[in-house]
mmCIF file of all heavy atoms, coordinates in Angstrom:
data_MODEL
# 
_entry.id   MODEL 
# 
loop_
_atom_site.group_PDB 
_atom_site.id 
_atom_site.type_symbol 
_atom_site.label_atom_id 
_atom_site.label_alt_id 
_atom_site.label_comp_id 
_atom_site.label_asym_id 
_atom_site.label_entity_id 
_atom_site.label_seq_id 
_atom_site.pdbx_PDB_ins_code 
_atom_site.Cartn_x 
_atom_site.Cartn_y 
_atom_site.Cartn_z 
_atom_site.occupancy 
_atom_site.B_iso_or_equiv 
_atom_site.pdbx_formal_charge 
_atom_site.auth_seq_id 
_atom_site.auth_comp_id 
_atom_site.auth_asym_id 
_atom_site.auth_atom_id 
_atom_site.pdbx_PDB_model_num 
ATOM 1   N N   . PHE A 1 1  ? 5.926   -5.353 269.374 1.00 0.00 ? 1  PHE A N   1 
ATOM 2   C CA  . PHE A 1 1  ? 4.885   -5.254 270.402 1.00 0.00 ? 1  PHE A CA  1 
ATOM 3   C C   . PHE A 1 1  ? 5.031   -3.946 271.184 1.00 0.00 ? 1  PHE A C   1 
ATOM 4   O O   . PHE A 1 1  ? 4.056   -3.259 271.461 1.00 0.00 ? 1  PHE A O   1 
ATOM 5   C CB  . PHE A 1 1  ? 4.952   -6.458 271.352 1.00 0.00 ? 1  PHE A CB  1 
ATOM 6   C CG  . PHE A 1 1  ? 3.940   -6.411 272.443 1.00 0.00 ? 1  PHE A CG  1 
ATOM 7   C CD1 . PHE A 1 1  ? 2.605   -6.667 272.185 1.00 0.00 ? 1  PHE A CD1 1 
ATOM 8   C CD2 . PHE A 1 1  ? 4.315   -6.069 273.747 1.00 0.00 ? 1  PHE A CD2 1 
ATOM 9   C CE1 . PHE A 1 1  ? 1.661   -6.615 273.196 1.00 0.00 ? 1  PHE A CE1 1 
ATOM 10  C CE2 . PHE A 1 1  ? 3.378   -6.018 274.763 1.00 0.00 ? 1  PHE A CE2 1 
ATOM 11  C CZ  . PHE A 1 1  ? 2.050   -6.282 274.491 1.00 0.00 ? 1  PHE A CZ  1 
ATOM 12  N N   . GLY A 1 2  ? 6.257   -3.599 271.537 1.00 0.00 ? 2  GLY A N   1 
ATOM 13  C CA  . GLY A 1 2  ? 6.505   -2.343 272.254 1.00 0.00 ? 2  GLY A CA  1 
ATOM 14  C C   . GLY A 1 2  ? 6.102   -1.134 271.432 1.00 0.00 ? 2  GLY A C   1 
ATOM 15  O O   . GLY A 1 2  ? 5.504   -0.187 271.949 1.00 0.00 ? 2  GLY A O   1 
ATOM 16  N N   . ALA A 1 3  ? 6.422   -1.142 270.145 1.00 0.00 ? 3  ALA A N   1 
ATOM 17  C CA  . ALA A 1 3  ? 6.058   -0.028 269.271 1.00 0.00 ? 3  ALA A CA  1 
ATOM 18  C C   . ALA A 1 3  ? 4.542   0.106  269.165 1.00 0.00 ? 3  ALA A C   1 
ATOM 19  O O   . ALA A 1 3  ? 3.995   1.219  269.222 1.00 0.00 ? 3  ALA A O   1 
ATOM 20  C CB  . ALA A 1 3  ? 6.676   -0.224 267.888 1.00 0.00 ? 3  ALA A CB  1 
ATOM 21  N N   . VAL A 1 4  ? 3.864   -1.013 269.021 1.00 0.00 ? 4  VAL A N   1 
ATOM 22  C CA  . VAL A 1 4  ? 2.397   -0.989 268.945 1.00 0.00 ? 4  VAL A CA  1 
ATOM 23  C C   . VAL A 1 4  ? 1.808   -0.497 270.256 1.00 0.00 ? 4  VAL A C   1 
ATOM 24  O O   . VAL A 1 4  ? 0.888   0.327  270.275 1.00 0.00 ? 4  VAL A O   1 
ATOM 25  C CB  . VAL A 1 4  ? 1.844   -2.392 268.572 1.00 0.00 ? 4  VAL A CB  1 
ATOM 26  C CG1 . VAL A 1 4  ? 0.339   -2.448 268.751 1.00 0.00 ? 4  VAL A CG1 1 
ATOM 27  C CG2 . VAL A 1 4  ? 2.236   -2.750 267.152 1.00 0.00 ? 4  VAL A CG2 1 
ATOM 28  N N   . LEU A 1 5  ? 2.353   -0.960 271.368 1.00 0.00 ? 5  LEU A N   1 
ATOM 29  C CA  . LEU A 1 5  ? 1.863   -0.547 272.682 1.00 0.00 ? 5  LEU A CA  1 
ATOM 30  C C   . LEU A 1 5  ? 2.047   0.953  272.890 1.00 0.00 ? 5  LEU A C   1 
ATOM 31  O O   . LEU A 1 5  ? 1.133   1.642  273.355 1.00 0.00 ? 5  LEU A O   1 
ATOM 32  C CB  . LEU A 1 5  ? 2.573   -1.340 273.778 1.00 0.00 ? 5  LEU A CB  1 
ATOM 33  C CG  . LEU A 1 5  ? 2.087   -1.116 275.197 1.00 0.00 ? 5  LEU A CG  1 
ATOM 34  C CD1 . LEU A 1 5  ? 0.626   -1.544 275.323 1.00 0.00 ? 5  LEU A CD1 1 
ATOM 35  C CD2 . LEU A 1 5  ? 2.949   -1.889 276.181 1.00 0.00 ? 5  LEU A CD2 1 
ATOM 36  N N   . VAL A 1 6  ? 3.204   1.478  272.536 1.00 0.00 ? 6  VAL A N   1 
ATOM 37  C CA  . VAL A 1 6  ? 3.459   2.914  272.667 1.00 0.00 ? 6  VAL A CA  1 
ATOM 38  C C   . VAL A 1 6  ? 2.492   3.706  271.785 1.00 0.00 ? 6  VAL A C   1 
ATOM 39  O O   . VAL A 1 6  ? 1.934   4.722  272.213 1.00 0.00 ? 6  VAL A O   1 
ATOM 40  C CB  . VAL A 1 6  ? 4.930   3.236  272.313 1.00 0.00 ? 6  VAL A CB  1 
ATOM 41  C CG1 . VAL A 1 6  ? 5.138   4.722  272.135 1.00 0.00 ? 6  VAL A CG1 1 
ATOM 42  C CG2 . VAL A 1 6  ? 5.861   2.691  273.381 1.00 0.00 ? 6  VAL A CG2 1 
ATOM 43  N N   . THR A 1 7  ? 2.273   3.237  270.575 1.00 0.00 ? 7  THR A N   1 
ATOM 44  C CA  . THR A 1 7  ? 1.358   3.921  269.666 1.00 0.00 ? 7  THR A CA  1 
ATOM 45  C C   . THR A 1 7  ? -0.063  3.931  270.224 1.00 0.00 ? 7  THR A C   1 
ATOM 46  O O   . THR A 1 7  ? -0.744  4.957  270.192 1.00 0.00 ? 7  THR A O   1 
ATOM 47  C CB  . THR A 1 7  ? 1.373   3.247  268.279 1.00 0.00 ? 7  THR A CB  1 
ATOM 48  O OG1 . THR A 1 7  ? 2.713   3.259  267.777 1.00 0.00 ? 7  THR A OG1 1 
ATOM 49  C CG2 . THR A 1 7  ? 0.457   3.957  267.310 1.00 0.00 ? 7  THR A CG2 1 
ATOM 50  N N   . VAL A 1 8  ? -0.505  2.806  270.749 1.00 0.00 ? 8  VAL A N   1 
ATOM 51  C CA  . VAL A 1 8  ? -1.852  2.719  271.320 1.00 0.00 ? 8  VAL A CA  1 
ATOM 52  C C   . VAL A 1 8  ? -1.980  3.658  272.516 1.00 0.00 ? 8  VAL A C   1 
ATOM 53  O O   . VAL A 1 8  ? -2.966  4.390  272.636 1.00 0.00 ? 8  VAL A O   1 
ATOM 54  C CB  . VAL A 1 8  ? -2.189  1.259  271.715 1.00 0.00 ? 8  VAL A CB  1 
ATOM 55  C CG1 . VAL A 1 8  ? -3.426  1.200  272.585 1.00 0.00 ? 8  VAL A CG1 1 
ATOM 56  C CG2 . VAL A 1 8  ? -2.363  0.404  270.472 1.00 0.00 ? 8  VAL A CG2 1 
ATOM 57  N N   . ILE A 1 9  ? -0.985  3.673  273.377 1.00 0.00 ? 9  ILE A N   1 
ATOM 58  C CA  . ILE A 1 9  ? -1.032  4.538  274.560 1.00 0.00 ? 9  ILE A CA  1 
ATOM 59  C C   . ILE A 1 9  ? -1.080  6.006  274.137 1.00 0.00 ? 9  ILE A C   1 
ATOM 60  O O   . ILE A 1 9  ? -1.854  6.802  274.688 1.00 0.00 ? 9  ILE A O   1 
ATOM 61  C CB  . ILE A 1 9  ? 0.172   4.259  275.486 1.00 0.00 ? 9  ILE A CB  1 
ATOM 62  C CG1 . ILE A 1 9  ? 0.002   2.894  276.141 1.00 0.00 ? 9  ILE A CG1 1 
ATOM 63  C CG2 . ILE A 1 9  ? 0.329   5.349  276.535 1.00 0.00 ? 9  ILE A CG2 1 
ATOM 64  C CD1 . ILE A 1 9  ? 1.219   2.421  276.918 1.00 0.00 ? 9  ILE A CD1 1 
ATOM 65  N N   . ARG A 1 10 ? -0.274  6.380  273.159 1.00 0.00 ? 10 ARG A N   1 
ATOM 66  C CA  . ARG A 1 10 ? -0.289  7.770  272.691 1.00 0.00 ? 10 ARG A CA  1 
ATOM 67  C C   . ARG A 1 10 ? -1.639  8.134  272.079 1.00 0.00 ? 10 ARG A C   1 
ATOM 68  O O   . ARG A 1 10 ? -2.140  9.249  272.283 1.00 0.00 ? 10 ARG A O   1 
ATOM 69  C CB  . ARG A 1 10 ? 0.826   7.996  271.683 1.00 0.00 ? 10 ARG A CB  1 
ATOM 70  C CG  . ARG A 1 10 ? 2.206   7.976  272.335 1.00 0.00 ? 10 ARG A CG  1 
ATOM 71  C CD  . ARG A 1 10 ? 3.263   8.299  271.352 1.00 0.00 ? 10 ARG A CD  1 
ATOM 72  N NE  . ARG A 1 10 ? 3.094   9.702  270.952 1.00 0.00 ? 10 ARG A NE  1 
ATOM 73  C CZ  . ARG A 1 10 ? 3.957   10.357 270.225 1.00 0.00 ? 10 ARG A CZ  1 
ATOM 74  N NH1 . ARG A 1 10 ? 5.038   9.768  269.807 1.00 0.00 ? 10 ARG A NH1 1 
ATOM 75  N NH2 . ARG A 1 10 ? 3.737   11.603 269.905 1.00 0.00 ? 10 ARG A NH2 1 
ATOM 76  N N   . GLN A 1 11 ? -2.224  7.244  271.320 1.00 0.00 ? 11 GLN A N   1 
ATOM 77  C CA  . GLN A 1 11 ? -3.510  7.529  270.686 1.00 0.00 ? 11 GLN A CA  1 
ATOM 78  C C   . GLN A 1 11 ? -4.620  7.651  271.726 1.00 0.00 ? 11 GLN A C   1 
ATOM 79  O O   . GLN A 1 11 ? -5.499  8.514  271.616 1.00 0.00 ? 11 GLN A O   1 
ATOM 80  C CB  . GLN A 1 11 ? -3.862  6.451  269.657 1.00 0.00 ? 11 GLN A CB  1 
ATOM 81  C CG  . GLN A 1 11 ? -2.972  6.475  268.438 1.00 0.00 ? 11 GLN A CG  1 
ATOM 82  C CD  . GLN A 1 11 ? -3.060  7.789  267.693 1.00 0.00 ? 11 GLN A CD  1 
ATOM 83  O OE1 . GLN A 1 11 ? -4.119  8.371  267.550 1.00 0.00 ? 11 GLN A OE1 1 
ATOM 84  N NE2 . GLN A 1 11 ? -1.923  8.274  267.241 1.00 0.00 ? 11 GLN A NE2 1 
ATOM 85  N N   . VAL A 1 12 ? -4.608  6.781  272.724 1.00 0.00 ? 12 VAL A N   1 
ATOM 86  C CA  . VAL A 1 12 ? -5.598  6.865  273.794 1.00 0.00 ? 12 VAL A CA  1 
ATOM 87  C C   . VAL A 1 12 ? -5.443  8.181  274.543 1.00 0.00 ? 12 VAL A C   1 
ATOM 88  O O   . VAL A 1 12 ? -6.426  8.863  274.848 1.00 0.00 ? 12 VAL A O   1 
ATOM 89  C CB  . VAL A 1 12 ? -5.494  5.653  274.754 1.00 0.00 ? 12 VAL A CB  1 
ATOM 90  C CG1 . VAL A 1 12 ? -6.298  5.873  276.016 1.00 0.00 ? 12 VAL A CG1 1 
ATOM 91  C CG2 . VAL A 1 12 ? -5.935  4.382  274.045 1.00 0.00 ? 12 VAL A CG2 1 
ATOM 92  N N   . GLY A 1 13 ? -4.207  8.582  274.816 1.00 0.00 ? 13 GLY A N   1 
ATOM 93  C CA  . GLY A 1 13 ? -3.958  9.860  275.479 1.00 0.00 ? 13 GLY A CA  1 
ATOM 94  C C   . GLY A 1 13 ? -4.458  11.030 274.653 1.00 0.00 ? 13 GLY A C   1 
ATOM 95  O O   . GLY A 1 13 ? -5.071  11.965 275.179 1.00 0.00 ? 13 GLY A O   1 
ATOM 96  N N   . ALA A 1 14 ? -4.204  11.002 273.355 1.00 0.00 ? 14 ALA A N   1 
ATOM 97  C CA  . ALA A 1 14 ? -4.676  12.075 272.475 1.00 0.00 ? 14 ALA A CA  1 
ATOM 98  C C   . ALA A 1 14 ? -6.201  12.128 272.461 1.00 0.00 ? 14 ALA A C   1 
ATOM 99  O O   . ALA A 1 14 ? -6.795  13.212 272.472 1.00 0.00 ? 14 ALA A O   1 
ATOM 100 C CB  . ALA A 1 14 ? -4.143  11.863 271.059 1.00 0.00 ? 14 ALA A CB  1 
ATOM 101 N N   . HIS A 1 15 ? -6.828  10.968 272.450 1.00 0.00 ? 15 HIS A N   1 
ATOM 102 C CA  . HIS A 1 15 ? -8.294  10.909 272.463 1.00 0.00 ? 15 HIS A CA  1 
ATOM 103 C C   . HIS A 1 15 ? -8.844  11.506 273.760 1.00 0.00 ? 15 HIS A C   1 
ATOM 104 O O   . HIS A 1 15 ? -9.800  12.279 273.738 1.00 0.00 ? 15 HIS A O   1 
ATOM 105 C CB  . HIS A 1 15 ? -8.752  9.461  272.299 1.00 0.00 ? 15 HIS A CB  1 
ATOM 106 C CG  . HIS A 1 15 ? -10.225 9.274  272.441 1.00 0.00 ? 15 HIS A CG  1 
ATOM 107 N ND1 . HIS A 1 15 ? -11.116 9.700  271.490 1.00 0.00 ? 15 HIS A ND1 1 
ATOM 108 C CD2 . HIS A 1 15 ? -10.962 8.729  273.434 1.00 0.00 ? 15 HIS A CD2 1 
ATOM 109 C CE1 . HIS A 1 15 ? -12.342 9.425  271.894 1.00 0.00 ? 15 HIS A CE1 1 
ATOM 110 N NE2 . HIS A 1 15 ? -12.269 8.828  273.082 1.00 0.00 ? 15 HIS A NE2 1 
ATOM 111 N N   . LEU A 1 16 ? -8.236  11.138 274.880 1.00 0.00 ? 16 LEU A N   1 
ATOM 112 C CA  . LEU A 1 16 ? -8.707  11.655 276.171 1.00 0.00 ? 16 LEU A CA  1 
ATOM 113 C C   . LEU A 1 16 ? -8.493  13.163 276.276 1.00 0.00 ? 16 LEU A C   1 
ATOM 114 O O   . LEU A 1 16 ? -9.347  13.890 276.794 1.00 0.00 ? 16 LEU A O   1 
ATOM 115 C CB  . LEU A 1 16 ? -8.003  10.933 277.317 1.00 0.00 ? 16 LEU A CB  1 
ATOM 116 C CG  . LEU A 1 16 ? -8.359  9.451  277.478 1.00 0.00 ? 16 LEU A CG  1 
ATOM 117 C CD1 . LEU A 1 16 ? -7.512  8.827  278.570 1.00 0.00 ? 16 LEU A CD1 1 
ATOM 118 C CD2 . LEU A 1 16 ? -9.835  9.269  277.751 1.00 0.00 ? 16 LEU A CD2 1 
ATOM 119 N N   . ARG A 1 17 ? -7.364  13.655 275.769 1.00 0.00 ? 17 ARG A N   1 
ATOM 120 C CA  . ARG A 1 17 ? -7.123  15.101 275.783 1.00 0.00 ? 17 ARG A CA  1 
ATOM 121 C C   . ARG A 1 17 ? -8.140  15.831 274.910 1.00 0.00 ? 17 ARG A C   1 
ATOM 122 O O   . ARG A 1 17 ? -8.635  16.894 275.277 1.00 0.00 ? 17 ARG A O   1 
ATOM 123 C CB  . ARG A 1 17 ? -5.704  15.415 275.316 1.00 0.00 ? 17 ARG A CB  1 
ATOM 124 C CG  . ARG A 1 17 ? -4.649  15.167 276.366 1.00 0.00 ? 17 ARG A CG  1 
ATOM 125 C CD  . ARG A 1 17 ? -3.293  15.717 275.935 1.00 0.00 ? 17 ARG A CD  1 
ATOM 126 N NE  . ARG A 1 17 ? -2.802  15.160 274.679 1.00 0.00 ? 17 ARG A NE  1 
ATOM 127 C CZ  . ARG A 1 17 ? -2.157  14.009 274.555 1.00 0.00 ? 17 ARG A CZ  1 
ATOM 128 N NH1 . ARG A 1 17 ? -1.923  13.272 275.631 1.00 0.00 ? 17 ARG A NH1 1 
ATOM 129 N NH2 . ARG A 1 17 ? -1.737  13.592 273.380 1.00 0.00 ? 17 ARG A NH2 1 
ATOM 130 N N   . ALA A 1 18 ? -8.450  15.271 273.748 1.00 0.00 ? 18 ALA A N   1 
ATOM 131 C CA  . ALA A 1 18 ? -9.422  15.901 272.859 1.00 0.00 ? 18 ALA A CA  1 
ATOM 132 C C   . ALA A 1 18 ? -10.804 15.935 273.505 1.00 0.00 ? 18 ALA A C   1 
ATOM 133 O O   . ALA A 1 18 ? -11.519 16.946 273.423 1.00 0.00 ? 18 ALA A O   1 
ATOM 134 C CB  . ALA A 1 18 ? -9.483  15.146 271.524 1.00 0.00 ? 18 ALA A CB  1 
ATOM 135 N N   . ARG A 1 19 ? -11.182 14.861 274.164 1.00 0.00 ? 19 ARG A N   1 
ATOM 136 C CA  . ARG A 1 19 ? -12.479 14.819 274.838 1.00 0.00 ? 19 ARG A CA  1 
ATOM 137 C C   . ARG A 1 19 ? -12.536 15.849 275.963 1.00 0.00 ? 19 ARG A C   1 
ATOM 138 O O   . ARG A 1 19 ? -13.527 16.551 276.131 1.00 0.00 ? 19 ARG A O   1 
ATOM 139 C CB  . ARG A 1 19 ? -12.753 13.425 275.389 1.00 0.00 ? 19 ARG A CB  1 
ATOM 140 C CG  . ARG A 1 19 ? -14.161 13.335 275.988 1.00 0.00 ? 19 ARG A CG  1 
ATOM 141 C CD  . ARG A 1 19 ? -14.427 12.039 276.680 1.00 0.00 ? 19 ARG A CD  1 
ATOM 142 N NE  . ARG A 1 19 ? -14.276 10.895 275.793 1.00 0.00 ? 19 ARG A NE  1 
ATOM 143 C CZ  . ARG A 1 19 ? -14.376 9.648  276.202 1.00 0.00 ? 19 ARG A CZ  1 
ATOM 144 N NH1 . ARG A 1 19 ? -14.619 9.371  277.465 1.00 0.00 ? 19 ARG A NH1 1 
ATOM 145 N NH2 . ARG A 1 19 ? -14.233 8.652  275.353 1.00 0.00 ? 19 ARG A NH2 1 
ATOM 146 N N   . ALA A 1 20 ? -11.454 15.955 276.721 1.00 0.00 ? 20 ALA A N   1 
ATOM 147 C CA  . ALA A 1 20 ? -11.399 16.931 277.811 1.00 0.00 ? 20 ALA A CA  1 
ATOM 148 C C   . ALA A 1 20 ? -11.488 18.352 277.257 1.00 0.00 ? 20 ALA A C   1 
ATOM 149 O O   . ALA A 1 20 ? -12.152 19.212 277.837 1.00 0.00 ? 20 ALA A O   1 
ATOM 150 C CB  . ALA A 1 20 ? -10.117 16.751 278.618 1.00 0.00 ? 20 ALA A CB  1 
ATOM 151 N N   . GLN A 1 21 ? -10.835 18.600 276.146 1.00 0.00 ? 21 GLN A N   1 
ATOM 152 C CA  . GLN A 1 21 ? -10.880 19.930 275.538 1.00 0.00 ? 21 GLN A CA  1 
ATOM 153 C C   . GLN A 1 21 ? -12.297 20.260 275.066 1.00 0.00 ? 21 GLN A C   1 
ATOM 154 O O   . GLN A 1 21 ? -12.773 21.382 275.255 1.00 0.00 ? 21 GLN A O   1 
ATOM 155 C CB  . GLN A 1 21 ? -9.907  20.021 274.368 1.00 0.00 ? 21 GLN A CB  1 
ATOM 156 C CG  . GLN A 1 21 ? -9.876  21.398 273.736 1.00 0.00 ? 21 GLN A CG  1 
ATOM 157 C CD  . GLN A 1 21 ? -8.854  21.493 272.607 1.00 0.00 ? 21 GLN A CD  1 
ATOM 158 O OE1 . GLN A 1 21 ? -8.166  20.527 272.309 1.00 0.00 ? 21 GLN A OE1 1 
ATOM 159 N NE2 . GLN A 1 21 ? -8.763  22.648 272.014 1.00 0.00 ? 21 GLN A NE2 1 
ATOM 160 N N   . LEU A 1 22 ? -12.988 19.299 274.479 1.00 0.00 ? 22 LEU A N   1 
ATOM 161 C CA  . LEU A 1 22 ? -14.367 19.537 274.039 1.00 0.00 ? 22 LEU A CA  1 
ATOM 162 C C   . LEU A 1 22 ? -15.277 19.834 275.225 1.00 0.00 ? 22 LEU A C   1 
ATOM 163 O O   . LEU A 1 22 ? -16.128 20.726 275.162 1.00 0.00 ? 22 LEU A O   1 
ATOM 164 C CB  . LEU A 1 22 ? -14.890 18.328 273.263 1.00 0.00 ? 22 LEU A CB  1 
ATOM 165 C CG  . LEU A 1 22 ? -14.327 18.140 271.866 1.00 0.00 ? 22 LEU A CG  1 
ATOM 166 C CD1 . LEU A 1 22 ? -14.840 16.834 271.259 1.00 0.00 ? 22 LEU A CD1 1 
ATOM 167 C CD2 . LEU A 1 22 ? -14.681 19.314 270.975 1.00 0.00 ? 22 LEU A CD2 1 
ATOM 168 N N   . THR A 1 23 ? -15.080 19.111 276.310 1.00 0.00 ? 23 THR A N   1 
ATOM 169 C CA  . THR A 1 23 ? -15.869 19.347 277.517 1.00 0.00 ? 23 THR A CA  1 
ATOM 170 C C   . THR A 1 23 ? -15.593 20.739 278.063 1.00 0.00 ? 23 THR A C   1 
ATOM 171 O O   . THR A 1 23 ? -16.513 21.481 278.418 1.00 0.00 ? 23 THR A O   1 
ATOM 172 C CB  . THR A 1 23 ? -15.543 18.294 278.592 1.00 0.00 ? 23 THR A CB  1 
ATOM 173 O OG1 . THR A 1 23 ? -15.807 17.001 278.056 1.00 0.00 ? 23 THR A OG1 1 
ATOM 174 C CG2 . THR A 1 23 ? -16.357 18.511 279.842 1.00 0.00 ? 23 THR A CG2 1 
ATOM 175 N N   . ARG A 1 24 ? -14.311 21.113 278.099 1.00 0.00 ? 24 ARG A N   1 
ATOM 176 C CA  . ARG A 1 24 ? -13.926 22.429 278.594 1.00 0.00 ? 24 ARG A CA  1 
ATOM 177 C C   . ARG A 1 24 ? -14.526 23.531 277.720 1.00 0.00 ? 24 ARG A C   1 
ATOM 178 O O   . ARG A 1 24 ? -15.039 24.531 278.221 1.00 0.00 ? 24 ARG A O   1 
ATOM 179 C CB  . ARG A 1 24 ? -12.396 22.511 278.614 1.00 0.00 ? 24 ARG A CB  1 
ATOM 180 C CG  . ARG A 1 24 ? -11.828 23.555 279.499 1.00 0.00 ? 24 ARG A CG  1 
ATOM 181 C CD  . ARG A 1 24 ? -10.310 23.451 279.676 1.00 0.00 ? 24 ARG A CD  1 
ATOM 182 N NE  . ARG A 1 24 ? -9.558  22.971 278.528 1.00 0.00 ? 24 ARG A NE  1 
ATOM 183 C CZ  . ARG A 1 24 ? -8.983  21.776 278.450 1.00 0.00 ? 24 ARG A CZ  1 
ATOM 184 N NH1 . ARG A 1 24 ? -9.083  20.918 279.439 1.00 0.00 ? 24 ARG A NH1 1 
ATOM 185 N NH2 . ARG A 1 24 ? -8.308  21.422 277.376 1.00 0.00 ? 24 ARG A NH2 1 
ATOM 186 N N   . GLU A 1 25 ? -14.482 23.358 276.408 1.00 0.00 ? 25 GLU A N   1 
ATOM 187 C CA  . GLU A 1 25 ? -15.047 24.356 275.500 1.00 0.00 ? 25 GLU A CA  1 
ATOM 188 C C   . GLU A 1 25 ? -16.554 24.483 275.683 1.00 0.00 ? 25 GLU A C   1 
ATOM 189 O O   . GLU A 1 25 ? -17.105 25.582 275.630 1.00 0.00 ? 25 GLU A O   1 
ATOM 190 C CB  . GLU A 1 25 ? -14.718 24.006 274.050 1.00 0.00 ? 25 GLU A CB  1 
ATOM 191 C CG  . GLU A 1 25 ? -13.264 24.227 273.700 1.00 0.00 ? 25 GLU A CG  1 
ATOM 192 C CD  . GLU A 1 25 ? -12.922 23.745 272.315 1.00 0.00 ? 25 GLU A CD  1 
ATOM 193 O OE1 . GLU A 1 25 ? -13.801 23.209 271.609 1.00 0.00 ? 25 GLU A OE1 1 
ATOM 194 O OE2 . GLU A 1 25 ? -11.736 23.892 271.923 1.00 0.00 ? 25 GLU A OE2 1 
ATOM 195 N N   . ALA A 1 26 ? -17.233 23.366 275.905 1.00 0.00 ? 26 ALA A N   1 
ATOM 196 C CA  . ALA A 1 26 ? -18.682 23.417 276.136 1.00 0.00 ? 26 ALA A CA  1 
ATOM 197 C C   . ALA A 1 26 ? -18.985 24.164 277.431 1.00 0.00 ? 26 ALA A C   1 
ATOM 198 O O   . ALA A 1 26 ? -19.942 24.958 277.490 1.00 0.00 ? 26 ALA A O   1 
ATOM 199 C CB  . ALA A 1 26 ? -19.249 21.997 276.194 1.00 0.00 ? 26 ALA A CB  1 
# 
């Protein structure tokens, strides 16, 4: 459960960073 939770948190963070980068580039 901890491993899955860490993976989900990292993926959500990566998604949010990518979205922020796209907004910044626009």
